[in-house]
């Protein structure tokens, strides 16, 4: 939820009556807290602020801040603790454990999948679907994430620990954590497991838990390695937390769909999230902090289900395509050291009509059209960050359709596409310059016709000069164009604008709007 920056709507000090109501809400939401603990969490006299904000997805969230740190946040009338609060009360919620390498994926916005859960000897905590849970890392009881259980514990076990386990709302190192003092989790030793009961029957739930934990084990050199419930670190480093939700309308195989999704997230991350200042960038950071958060809603990225199988092989392929350059800056650790920011695969050309359709569909899908005035669009955090100036961030909350579309188009980089017969279209950034025809005076009052920018339209200046020489029966020369790097201009003796216009419009069939200077042709009946 807080994987990307949010927009603050207001920040005010809490009133006395609201403070008392908050204490009552905390007591009701977290009955394990004693009266003294509630008073400590929601102090009576110390400064306590209420911050109302919008997440990058448009969710309205209320955050309670004490001592500079967010302690609680409220979403849809449900109260949730932050990691700062859980570090003071680590046993406030049922806690599940995962591997440290999974954390960077959770920070990037991924949910926690059951294959990434570490099952302790005492078994998993008993929760129901929708219960609030804490997520900690192996070796440290201090929680690093807050989430909601996607299924009850019994269903987790019967599924063989497969599927989505928790919808993650907030994590250590996300933007809500960054709004505080950015402290690190304290070191808290895991609780010692209760000694097993000798009288417990083999068919008990505990025995079933251990059986599920060891399901799919492999025996190697007389030792047992767990490969299902508790993955080895080598497996987890690839991607223990996410799987593939295929598109049922796509006729391609799951592997082909995953290959496309992998490349899409990679290019999206390079274009929208990675900056030159971030280089060199660890490949693991690229995947966990950037690529996973670029994954579309309803889809989940799993490199193991692609044809590449491993991130390193995929990045080698991207390096062969000269999009990136990967180097091993330290032993066993690869980093991206260079990116070709102008590579054609890093972006897609959109026509103005396509941009309009995308913006309109986005506004309708996210219910941003004003209910009282259909000509106005409410701005969510994504639109605010994209089109508003800093001075407008807290002042402008709605825009007309025309203003919204105009601002969006202005933020895009202009480009043009030139199509030549029998060739692939050529796309170039910037605005295309028209073919420029001018007249110049030379010695002895002689006039010459100059034409430049022919190369932008796929015309060879030397070939054009040879054609005009035959048609006009006049001398022609090709010289470097003044002020244009590597550009050439054609010079024809006399006023030859009429012949030049016929050649460009009729034979080369260029649009008239891309040729300027045709009005300089000699008037009929006048000898030049």
Protein backbone atom coordinates (compact mmCIF):
# COMPACT_ATOMS: atom_id res chain seq x y z
CA UNK A 1 0.00 0.00 0.00
CA UNK A 2 2.84 2.37 0.81
CA UNK A 3 5.33 0.97 -1.71
CA UNK A 4 5.18 4.29 -3.57
CA UNK A 5 5.00 7.90 -2.41
CA UNK A 6 1.69 9.14 -1.03
CA UNK A 7 0.08 12.58 -1.08
CA UNK A 8 -0.66 14.32 2.25
CA UNK A 9 -4.03 16.07 2.37
CA UNK A 10 -3.84 17.48 5.91
CA UNK A 11 -1.76 17.29 9.10
CA UNK A 12 -3.41 18.55 12.29
CA UNK A 13 -3.06 18.08 16.04
CA UNK A 14 -5.63 15.70 17.53
CA UNK A 15 -8.39 17.05 19.73
CA UNK A 16 -8.95 15.87 23.28
CA UNK A 17 -12.23 14.12 22.45
CA UNK A 18 -10.66 12.44 19.42
CA UNK A 19 -7.75 11.31 21.57
CA UNK A 20 -10.13 9.57 23.96
CA UNK A 21 -12.03 7.99 21.09
CA UNK A 22 -8.75 6.73 19.63
CA UNK A 23 -7.87 5.06 22.95
CA UNK A 24 -11.24 3.31 22.94
CA UNK A 25 -10.73 2.19 19.33
CA UNK A 26 -7.27 0.83 20.14
CA UNK A 27 -8.63 -1.08 23.15
CA UNK A 28 -11.37 -2.61 20.99
CA UNK A 29 -9.04 -3.47 18.08
CA UNK A 30 -6.23 -4.89 20.23
CA UNK A 31 -7.73 -6.43 23.38
CA UNK A 32 -4.39 -7.95 24.41
CA UNK A 33 -3.09 -4.47 25.26
CA UNK A 34 -3.51 -3.45 28.89
CA UNK A 35 -4.77 -0.06 30.02
CA UNK A 36 -1.25 1.18 30.79
CA UNK A 37 -0.01 0.03 27.37
CA UNK A 38 -2.89 1.82 25.59
CA UNK A 39 -2.11 5.00 27.54
CA UNK A 40 1.56 4.64 26.62
CA UNK A 41 0.70 4.16 22.94
CA UNK A 42 -1.82 7.03 22.86
CA UNK A 43 -0.40 9.50 25.42
CA UNK A 44 -2.63 11.99 27.19
CA UNK A 45 -0.54 15.14 26.91
CA UNK A 46 2.23 14.50 24.39
CA UNK A 47 1.84 15.78 20.85
CA UNK A 48 -0.29 13.51 18.68
CA UNK A 49 -1.08 14.42 15.08
CA UNK A 50 -3.66 13.15 12.60
CA UNK A 51 -2.39 12.96 9.02
CA UNK A 52 -4.87 12.35 6.22
CA UNK A 53 -3.31 11.14 2.99
CA UNK A 54 -3.97 9.42 -0.31
CA UNK A 55 -1.88 6.45 -1.36
CA UNK A 56 -0.57 6.08 -4.93
CA UNK A 57 -3.63 3.93 -5.69
CA UNK A 58 -6.05 6.56 -4.39
CA UNK A 59 -6.92 4.95 -1.03
CA UNK A 60 -7.82 7.47 1.70
CA UNK A 61 -5.81 6.65 4.82
CA UNK A 62 -5.68 8.32 8.24
CA UNK A 63 -2.31 8.06 10.03
CA UNK A 64 -1.72 8.84 13.72
CA UNK A 65 1.75 10.24 14.46
CA UNK A 66 3.32 10.40 17.92
CA UNK A 67 6.85 11.60 18.65
CA UNK A 68 7.52 12.00 14.93
CA UNK A 69 6.73 8.35 14.15
CA UNK A 70 3.53 6.94 12.63
CA UNK A 71 2.06 4.58 15.23
CA UNK A 72 -1.30 3.60 13.73
CA UNK A 73 -3.11 3.94 10.41
CA UNK A 74 -6.80 3.63 9.65
CA UNK A 75 -8.20 2.30 6.38
CA UNK A 76 -11.93 1.81 5.76
CA UNK A 77 -12.61 2.20 9.52
CA UNK A 78 -10.12 -0.55 10.40
CA UNK A 79 -7.17 0.27 12.66
CA UNK A 80 -3.70 -1.14 11.94
CA UNK A 81 -0.40 -0.81 13.87
CA UNK A 82 2.77 0.32 12.12
CA UNK A 83 6.11 -1.46 12.46
CA UNK A 84 7.18 1.24 14.92
CA UNK A 85 4.34 0.17 17.24
CA UNK A 86 4.99 -3.54 16.72
CA UNK A 87 8.63 -3.07 17.73
CA UNK A 88 7.38 -1.87 21.13
CA UNK A 89 4.72 -4.59 21.32
CA UNK A 90 6.08 -7.52 19.24
CA UNK A 91 3.40 -9.93 20.52
CA UNK A 92 0.47 -7.65 19.65
CA UNK A 93 -0.44 -9.72 16.56
CA UNK A 94 -0.03 -13.36 15.48
CA UNK A 95 3.41 -13.49 13.86
CA UNK A 96 4.49 -15.48 10.82
CA UNK A 97 8.13 -15.84 9.80
CA UNK A 98 9.79 -15.59 6.40
CA UNK A 99 13.32 -15.41 4.98
CA UNK A 100 15.29 -12.12 5.01
CA UNK A 101 15.60 -12.12 1.21
CA UNK A 102 11.82 -11.98 0.90
CA UNK A 103 11.69 -8.57 2.61
CA UNK A 104 12.88 -6.60 -0.41
CA UNK A 105 10.05 -8.11 -2.45
CA UNK A 106 7.49 -7.14 0.18
CA UNK A 107 8.89 -3.60 0.24
CA UNK A 108 8.40 -3.49 -3.53
CA UNK A 109 4.68 -4.13 -3.11
CA UNK A 110 4.44 -7.94 -3.41
CA UNK A 111 2.13 -9.99 -1.21
CA UNK A 112 3.58 -12.82 0.88
CA UNK A 113 3.10 -16.22 -0.73
CA UNK A 114 2.86 -19.36 1.36
CA UNK A 115 6.01 -21.02 -0.11
CA UNK A 116 7.97 -18.19 1.54
CA UNK A 117 6.62 -19.00 5.02
CA UNK A 118 8.97 -20.70 7.48
CA UNK A 119 7.11 -23.23 9.62
CA UNK A 120 8.47 -23.33 13.21
CA UNK A 121 8.63 -26.58 15.21
CA UNK A 122 5.56 -25.52 17.19
CA UNK A 123 3.53 -25.02 14.02
CA UNK A 124 1.89 -21.95 12.51
CA UNK A 125 -0.21 -19.51 14.56
CA UNK A 126 -3.94 -20.16 14.32
CA UNK A 127 -5.66 -17.36 12.36
CA UNK A 128 -8.81 -16.94 10.30
CA UNK A 129 -9.22 -15.32 6.90
CA UNK A 130 -9.07 -11.53 7.27
CA UNK A 131 -7.18 -11.61 10.58
CA UNK A 132 -4.47 -9.00 11.06
CA UNK A 133 -0.98 -10.57 11.26
CA UNK A 134 2.63 -9.52 11.71
CA UNK A 135 5.49 -10.80 9.57
CA UNK A 136 8.99 -11.24 11.01
CA UNK A 137 12.26 -12.55 9.64
CA UNK A 138 14.11 -15.71 10.60
CA UNK A 139 16.26 -15.08 13.68
CA UNK A 140 14.50 -11.88 14.79
CA UNK A 141 11.05 -11.66 16.39
CA UNK A 142 10.71 -7.92 15.64
CA UNK A 143 8.04 -7.63 12.89
CA UNK A 144 8.95 -6.06 9.56
CA UNK A 145 5.52 -6.07 7.92
CA UNK A 146 1.80 -5.95 8.63
CA UNK A 147 -0.67 -7.94 6.57
CA UNK A 148 -4.07 -9.60 6.42
CA UNK A 149 -4.42 -13.38 6.20
CA UNK A 150 -5.82 -14.49 2.85
CA UNK A 151 -6.99 -17.85 4.27
CA UNK A 152 -7.26 -19.60 7.65
CA UNK A 153 -4.32 -21.57 9.01
CA UNK A 154 -6.09 -24.88 8.42
CA UNK A 155 -6.47 -24.07 4.73
CA UNK A 156 -2.82 -23.02 4.50
CA UNK A 157 -1.81 -26.46 5.74
CA UNK A 158 -4.23 -28.45 3.59
CA UNK A 159 -3.07 -26.52 0.49
CA UNK A 160 0.48 -27.73 1.10
CA UNK A 161 1.61 -24.13 1.72
CA UNK A 162 0.86 -23.01 -1.82
CA UNK A 163 -0.83 -19.83 -2.98
CA UNK A 164 -1.13 -16.31 -1.59
CA UNK A 165 -0.92 -16.25 2.18
CA UNK A 166 -1.08 -12.59 3.19
CA UNK A 167 -2.07 -9.28 1.65
CA UNK A 168 0.73 -6.99 2.81
CA UNK A 169 -0.37 -3.48 3.84
CA UNK A 170 2.76 -1.92 5.32
CA UNK A 171 6.44 -2.83 5.62
CA UNK A 172 9.69 -1.70 7.11
CA UNK A 173 11.44 0.56 4.53
CA UNK A 174 8.22 1.56 2.73
CA UNK A 175 7.11 5.21 2.44
CA UNK A 176 5.05 5.14 5.65
CA UNK A 177 8.13 3.94 7.55
CA UNK A 178 10.18 6.66 5.82
CA UNK A 179 7.84 9.33 7.22
CA UNK A 180 9.16 8.48 10.71
CA UNK A 181 12.68 8.49 12.13
CA UNK A 182 13.71 5.61 9.78
CA UNK A 183 15.05 3.49 12.62
CA UNK A 184 15.88 -0.18 12.08
CA UNK A 185 14.10 -3.14 13.69
CA UNK A 186 15.44 -3.99 17.16
CA UNK A 187 16.98 -7.39 17.77
CA UNK A 188 14.47 -9.66 19.48
CA UNK A 189 15.27 -13.32 19.99
CA UNK A 190 12.59 -15.75 18.79
CA UNK A 191 10.45 -17.29 21.50
CA UNK A 192 11.61 -20.71 22.67
CA UNK A 193 9.20 -23.43 21.52
CA UNK A 194 7.14 -25.22 24.13
CA UNK A 195 8.47 -28.69 24.99
CA UNK A 196 6.54 -31.42 23.16
CA UNK A 197 3.98 -33.42 25.11
CA UNK A 198 5.08 -37.09 25.23
CA UNK A 199 1.48 -38.20 25.54
CA UNK A 200 0.47 -36.44 22.33
CA UNK A 201 -0.82 -38.84 19.72
CA UNK A 202 0.93 -39.23 16.40
CA UNK A 203 -2.26 -38.34 14.55
CA UNK A 204 -2.48 -34.93 16.21
CA UNK A 205 -2.42 -31.60 14.43
CA UNK A 206 1.21 -31.13 15.41
CA UNK A 207 2.20 -34.32 13.62
CA UNK A 208 0.23 -33.20 10.58
CA UNK A 209 2.05 -29.86 10.57
CA UNK A 210 5.43 -31.55 10.57
CA UNK A 211 4.33 -33.89 7.81
CA UNK A 212 3.26 -30.92 5.66
CA UNK A 213 6.46 -29.06 6.41
CA UNK A 214 8.57 -31.94 5.13
CA UNK A 215 6.37 -32.70 2.14
CA UNK A 216 8.46 -33.12 -0.99
CA UNK A 217 11.79 -33.61 0.82
CA UNK A 218 14.78 -34.97 -1.00
CA UNK A 219 17.39 -37.20 0.58
CA UNK A 220 20.98 -36.42 -0.31
CA UNK A 221 24.07 -38.06 1.27
CA UNK A 222 21.89 -39.36 4.07
CA UNK A 223 20.69 -35.85 4.99
CA UNK A 224 17.22 -34.46 4.57
CA UNK A 225 16.76 -31.09 2.85
CA UNK A 226 13.41 -29.31 2.99
CA UNK A 227 12.26 -28.06 -0.40
CA UNK A 228 8.62 -27.25 0.22
CA UNK A 229 7.55 -25.63 3.47
CA UNK A 230 10.93 -24.14 4.34
CA UNK A 231 12.87 -23.32 1.20
CA UNK A 232 16.62 -23.18 1.18
CA UNK A 233 18.20 -19.77 0.81
CA UNK A 234 19.33 -20.54 -2.72
CA UNK A 235 15.71 -21.20 -3.71
CA UNK A 236 14.41 -18.19 -1.85
CA UNK A 237 16.87 -15.86 -3.51
CA UNK A 238 15.30 -16.55 -6.86
CA UNK A 239 11.73 -15.69 -5.90
CA UNK A 240 9.92 -17.43 -3.06
CA UNK A 241 7.12 -14.96 -2.66
CA UNK A 242 5.35 -14.71 -5.96
CA UNK A 243 3.72 -16.96 -8.55
CA UNK A 244 1.96 -16.66 -11.88
CA UNK A 245 -1.66 -15.66 -12.31
CA UNK A 246 -2.04 -16.33 -16.04
CA UNK A 247 -4.27 -14.27 -18.27
CA UNK A 248 -7.12 -16.64 -19.18
CA UNK A 249 -7.84 -14.71 -22.39
CA UNK A 250 -4.26 -15.14 -23.65
CA UNK A 251 -3.72 -18.05 -26.06
CA UNK A 252 0.02 -18.09 -25.35
CA UNK A 253 1.60 -20.67 -23.06
CA UNK A 254 2.25 -19.82 -19.41
CA UNK A 255 5.96 -19.62 -20.12
CA UNK A 256 5.44 -17.18 -23.01
CA UNK A 257 3.13 -15.07 -20.86
CA UNK A 258 5.71 -14.99 -18.08
CA UNK A 259 8.48 -14.04 -20.54
CA UNK A 260 6.37 -11.10 -21.74
CA UNK A 261 5.50 -10.06 -18.19
CA UNK A 262 9.17 -10.26 -17.16
CA UNK A 263 10.30 -8.05 -20.04
CA UNK A 264 7.43 -5.65 -19.46
CA UNK A 265 8.27 -5.19 -15.77
CA UNK A 266 11.97 -4.86 -16.60
CA UNK A 267 11.45 -2.13 -19.21
CA UNK A 268 8.84 -0.37 -17.07
CA UNK A 269 11.25 -0.33 -14.12
CA UNK A 270 14.06 1.15 -16.23
CA UNK A 271 11.80 3.76 -17.75
CA UNK A 272 9.83 4.85 -14.70
CA UNK A 273 11.77 3.99 -11.54
CA UNK A 274 15.52 3.65 -12.10
CA UNK A 275 17.55 6.85 -12.46
CA UNK A 276 21.10 7.45 -13.60
CA UNK A 277 22.02 8.38 -10.03
CA UNK A 278 20.98 4.87 -8.89
CA UNK A 279 23.79 3.21 -10.89
CA UNK A 280 25.53 0.93 -10.15
CA UNK A 281 22.39 -0.93 -9.06
CA UNK A 282 22.37 -4.39 -7.52
CA UNK A 283 20.46 -6.83 -9.72
CA UNK A 284 18.61 -8.10 -6.65
CA UNK A 285 17.53 -4.53 -5.86
CA UNK A 286 16.29 -4.05 -9.42
CA UNK A 287 14.08 -7.11 -9.06
CA UNK A 288 12.87 -6.64 -5.50
CA UNK A 289 12.48 -2.86 -5.27
CA UNK A 290 11.58 -1.96 -8.85
CA UNK A 291 10.40 -4.80 -11.10
CA UNK A 292 7.95 -6.38 -8.65
CA UNK A 293 6.26 -3.05 -8.01
CA UNK A 294 5.82 -2.58 -11.78
CA UNK A 295 3.82 -5.80 -12.07
CA UNK A 296 0.21 -5.12 -13.18
CA UNK A 297 -2.66 -5.75 -10.76
CA UNK A 298 -3.82 -9.35 -10.85
CA UNK A 299 -0.50 -10.65 -12.20
CA UNK A 300 2.46 -12.00 -10.24
CA UNK A 301 6.02 -12.24 -11.46
CA UNK A 302 7.81 -15.58 -11.12
CA UNK A 303 11.11 -15.87 -12.98
CA UNK A 304 11.22 -19.61 -12.40
CA UNK A 305 8.15 -20.00 -14.61
CA UNK A 306 9.81 -18.11 -17.48
CA UNK A 307 12.12 -19.60 -20.09
CA UNK A 308 15.07 -17.88 -18.39
CA UNK A 309 14.53 -19.60 -15.00
CA UNK A 310 17.04 -17.26 -13.34
CA UNK A 311 17.36 -13.48 -13.12
CA UNK A 312 21.02 -13.63 -14.14
CA UNK A 313 20.17 -15.38 -17.44
CA UNK A 314 17.45 -12.86 -18.21
CA UNK A 315 19.79 -9.92 -17.54
CA UNK A 316 22.45 -11.55 -19.74
CA UNK A 317 19.88 -11.60 -22.54
CA UNK A 318 19.08 -7.93 -21.95
CA UNK A 319 22.81 -7.21 -22.03
CA UNK A 320 23.11 -8.99 -25.40
CA UNK A 321 20.39 -6.69 -26.69
CA UNK A 322 22.56 -3.79 -25.47
CA UNK A 323 19.91 -2.40 -23.12
CA UNK A 324 22.04 -2.73 -19.99
CA UNK A 325 25.58 -3.59 -18.94
CA UNK A 326 26.07 -5.97 -16.01
CA UNK A 327 29.31 -6.41 -14.08
CA UNK A 328 30.40 -8.37 -11.02
CA UNK A 329 31.67 -5.53 -8.84
CA UNK A 330 32.26 -7.86 -5.89
CA UNK A 331 32.59 -11.63 -5.74
CA UNK A 332 29.29 -13.29 -6.49
CA UNK A 333 27.35 -9.98 -6.55
CA UNK A 334 26.26 -8.58 -9.92
CA UNK A 335 25.29 -4.98 -10.52
CA UNK A 336 23.88 -3.00 -13.44
CA UNK A 337 26.53 -0.40 -14.23
CA UNK A 338 25.12 1.17 -17.41
CA UNK A 339 21.77 1.59 -19.17
CA UNK A 340 21.14 2.62 -22.77
CA UNK A 341 18.48 5.21 -21.98
CA UNK A 342 17.81 5.80 -25.69
CA UNK A 343 17.32 2.14 -26.59
CA UNK A 344 14.18 1.79 -28.76
CA UNK A 345 12.76 -0.98 -26.53
CA UNK A 346 12.67 1.26 -23.48
CA UNK A 347 9.50 3.01 -24.63
CA UNK A 348 6.51 2.81 -26.92
CA UNK A 349 5.22 5.49 -29.22
CA UNK A 350 1.65 6.59 -28.47
CA UNK A 351 -0.55 8.67 -30.70
CA UNK A 352 -2.57 11.49 -29.19
CA UNK A 353 -5.79 9.50 -29.54
CA UNK A 354 -4.23 6.57 -27.66
CA UNK A 355 -3.17 8.87 -24.81
CA UNK A 356 -6.72 10.25 -24.58
CA UNK A 357 -8.17 6.73 -24.43
CA UNK A 358 -5.71 5.63 -21.72
CA UNK A 359 -6.42 8.68 -19.54
CA UNK A 360 -10.21 8.37 -19.94
CA UNK A 361 -10.18 4.64 -19.15
CA UNK A 362 -7.92 5.22 -16.13
CA UNK A 363 -10.23 7.90 -14.72
CA UNK A 364 -13.33 5.76 -15.18
CA UNK A 365 -11.72 2.59 -13.82
CA UNK A 366 -10.61 4.37 -10.64
CA UNK A 367 -13.92 6.29 -10.17
CA UNK A 368 -12.25 9.67 -10.61
CA UNK A 369 -15.05 11.28 -12.62
CA UNK A 370 -16.81 13.83 -10.41
CA UNK A 371 -20.29 12.59 -9.51
CA UNK A 372 -21.80 16.09 -9.51
CA UNK A 373 -20.08 17.42 -12.62
CA UNK A 374 -19.10 14.88 -15.27
CA UNK A 375 -16.83 17.49 -16.91
CA UNK A 376 -14.46 17.39 -13.93
CA UNK A 377 -11.96 14.69 -12.92
CA UNK A 378 -10.73 14.16 -9.36
CA UNK A 379 -6.95 13.88 -9.10
CA UNK A 380 -5.52 10.86 -7.31
CA UNK A 381 -1.87 10.77 -6.10
CA UNK A 382 -0.63 9.31 -9.40
CA UNK A 383 -2.18 12.09 -11.49
CA UNK A 384 -1.06 14.72 -8.97
CA UNK A 385 2.56 13.58 -9.13
CA UNK A 386 2.43 13.31 -12.92
CA UNK A 387 0.87 16.60 -14.05
CA UNK A 388 0.78 19.10 -11.18
CA UNK A 389 3.50 21.53 -10.22
CA UNK A 390 4.73 21.48 -6.62
CA UNK A 391 2.86 24.69 -5.84
CA UNK A 392 -0.38 23.07 -7.03
CA UNK A 393 -0.08 19.80 -5.10
CA UNK A 394 -2.33 20.86 -2.21
CA UNK A 395 -4.44 23.43 -4.06
CA UNK A 396 -5.72 21.64 -7.16
CA UNK A 397 -7.95 18.63 -6.51
CA UNK A 398 -9.97 18.56 -9.75
CA UNK A 399 -9.39 19.42 -13.41
CA UNK A 400 -11.59 19.61 -16.46
CA UNK A 401 -11.19 16.87 -19.06
CA UNK A 402 -9.59 19.30 -21.54
CA UNK A 403 -7.10 20.59 -18.98
CA UNK A 404 -6.26 17.06 -17.79
CA UNK A 405 -5.64 15.73 -21.31
CA UNK A 406 -3.65 18.81 -22.33
CA UNK A 407 -1.39 18.56 -19.28
CA UNK A 408 -0.83 14.85 -19.83
CA UNK A 409 0.16 15.42 -23.47
CA UNK A 410 2.51 18.24 -22.46
CA UNK A 411 4.31 15.92 -20.02
CA UNK A 412 5.04 13.39 -22.76
CA UNK A 413 8.09 13.70 -24.96
CA UNK A 414 7.11 14.50 -28.56
CA UNK A 415 8.18 12.08 -31.27
CA UNK A 416 7.47 11.49 -34.92
CA UNK A 417 7.36 8.50 -37.21
CA UNK A 418 8.40 8.44 -40.86
CA UNK A 419 7.36 5.53 -43.06
CA UNK A 420 9.19 4.81 -46.29
CA UNK A 421 7.85 2.36 -48.91
CA UNK A 422 9.16 -1.15 -48.28
CA UNK A 423 10.88 -0.21 -45.02
CA UNK A 424 10.12 -0.38 -41.32
CA UNK A 425 8.80 2.90 -39.84
CA UNK A 426 11.48 5.12 -38.30
CA UNK A 427 10.63 6.74 -34.95
CA UNK A 428 12.62 9.71 -33.68
CA UNK A 429 12.27 11.90 -30.63
CA UNK A 430 11.39 15.58 -30.88
CA UNK A 431 9.37 17.44 -33.47
CA UNK A 432 10.04 16.94 -37.16
CA UNK A 433 11.41 20.00 -38.95
CA UNK A 434 9.75 20.89 -42.25
CA UNK A 435 11.66 20.96 -45.53
CA UNK A 436 12.84 24.56 -45.72
CA UNK A 437 12.98 26.31 -49.12
CA UNK A 438 14.57 29.76 -49.27
CA UNK A 439 15.90 32.17 -51.90
CA UNK A 440 19.30 33.83 -51.60
CA UNK A 441 21.08 36.61 -53.49
CA UNK A 442 24.50 35.94 -54.92
CA UNK A 443 26.99 38.13 -56.76
CA UNK A 444 25.83 40.06 -59.84
CA UNK A 445 22.27 40.00 -58.51
CA UNK A 446 21.88 36.31 -59.23
CA UNK A 447 19.33 34.31 -57.26
CA UNK A 448 19.74 30.75 -56.01
CA UNK A 449 17.26 28.35 -54.43
CA UNK A 450 18.29 26.61 -51.19
CA UNK A 451 16.56 23.59 -49.71
CA UNK A 452 17.44 21.80 -46.46
CA UNK A 453 16.11 19.12 -44.06
CA UNK A 454 15.62 16.62 -46.89
CA UNK A 455 17.26 13.81 -44.85
CA UNK A 456 14.50 13.83 -42.22
CA UNK A 457 12.09 12.61 -44.89
CA UNK A 458 14.38 9.90 -46.25
CA UNK A 459 15.53 11.91 -49.27
CA UNK A 460 19.14 11.85 -50.43
CA UNK A 461 20.25 15.48 -51.05
CA UNK A 462 22.67 14.33 -53.79
CA UNK A 463 19.92 12.41 -55.62
CA UNK A 464 17.55 15.39 -55.35
CA UNK A 465 20.27 17.71 -56.71
CA UNK A 466 20.89 15.40 -59.70
CA UNK A 467 17.15 15.26 -60.53
CA UNK A 468 16.73 19.03 -60.30
CA UNK A 469 19.78 19.61 -62.46
CA UNK A 470 18.14 17.66 -65.31
CA UNK A 471 14.66 19.15 -64.89
CA UNK A 472 15.69 22.76 -64.41
CA UNK A 473 18.67 22.69 -66.76
CA UNK A 474 20.56 24.59 -64.07
CA UNK A 475 23.67 23.91 -62.06
CA UNK A 476 23.25 22.39 -58.57
CA UNK A 477 25.61 21.91 -55.65
CA UNK A 478 25.37 20.11 -52.30
CA UNK A 479 27.00 21.84 -49.32
CA UNK A 480 26.91 21.50 -45.50
CA UNK A 481 23.86 23.23 -44.04
CA UNK A 482 24.85 26.13 -41.76
CA UNK A 483 24.11 25.43 -38.10
CA UNK A 484 23.02 21.84 -38.69
CA UNK A 485 25.26 19.00 -37.51
CA UNK A 486 25.84 16.54 -40.35
CA UNK A 487 23.05 18.23 -42.34
CA UNK A 488 23.28 19.04 -46.05
CA UNK A 489 21.57 21.63 -48.23
CA UNK A 490 20.98 21.66 -52.00
CA UNK A 491 21.64 24.86 -53.96
CA UNK A 492 20.06 25.33 -57.41
CA UNK A 493 20.83 28.27 -59.70
CA UNK A 494 17.87 30.62 -60.17
CA UNK A 495 14.40 30.59 -58.62
CA UNK A 496 13.47 26.92 -58.98
CA UNK A 497 10.81 26.74 -56.25
CA UNK A 498 8.12 25.76 -58.78
CA UNK A 499 10.11 22.75 -60.07
CA UNK A 500 11.16 21.83 -56.53
CA UNK A 501 7.55 21.97 -55.30
CA UNK A 502 6.32 19.68 -58.09
CA UNK A 503 9.12 17.20 -57.34
CA UNK A 504 8.36 17.08 -53.59
CA UNK A 505 4.55 17.13 -53.80
CA UNK A 506 3.82 15.06 -56.88
CA UNK A 507 6.71 12.65 -57.26
CA UNK A 508 7.77 12.16 -53.63
CA UNK A 509 4.16 12.76 -52.41
CA UNK A 510 5.18 14.64 -49.30
CA UNK A 511 2.41 16.44 -47.35
CA UNK A 512 2.27 20.16 -48.15
CA UNK A 513 2.17 21.02 -44.43
CA UNK A 514 5.72 19.68 -44.06
CA UNK A 515 7.16 21.99 -46.75
CA UNK A 516 7.67 25.69 -46.10
CA UNK A 517 8.68 28.26 -48.71
CA UNK A 518 6.50 27.12 -51.64
CA UNK A 519 4.98 30.60 -51.81
CA UNK A 520 8.34 31.92 -53.03
CA UNK A 521 7.77 30.45 -56.50
CA UNK A 522 7.79 33.07 -59.31
CA UNK A 523 4.38 34.44 -60.25
CA UNK A 524 2.97 33.35 -63.64
CA UNK A 525 3.83 35.72 -66.47
CA UNK A 526 6.88 37.13 -64.78
CA UNK A 527 10.28 36.19 -66.12
CA UNK A 528 12.85 35.48 -63.52
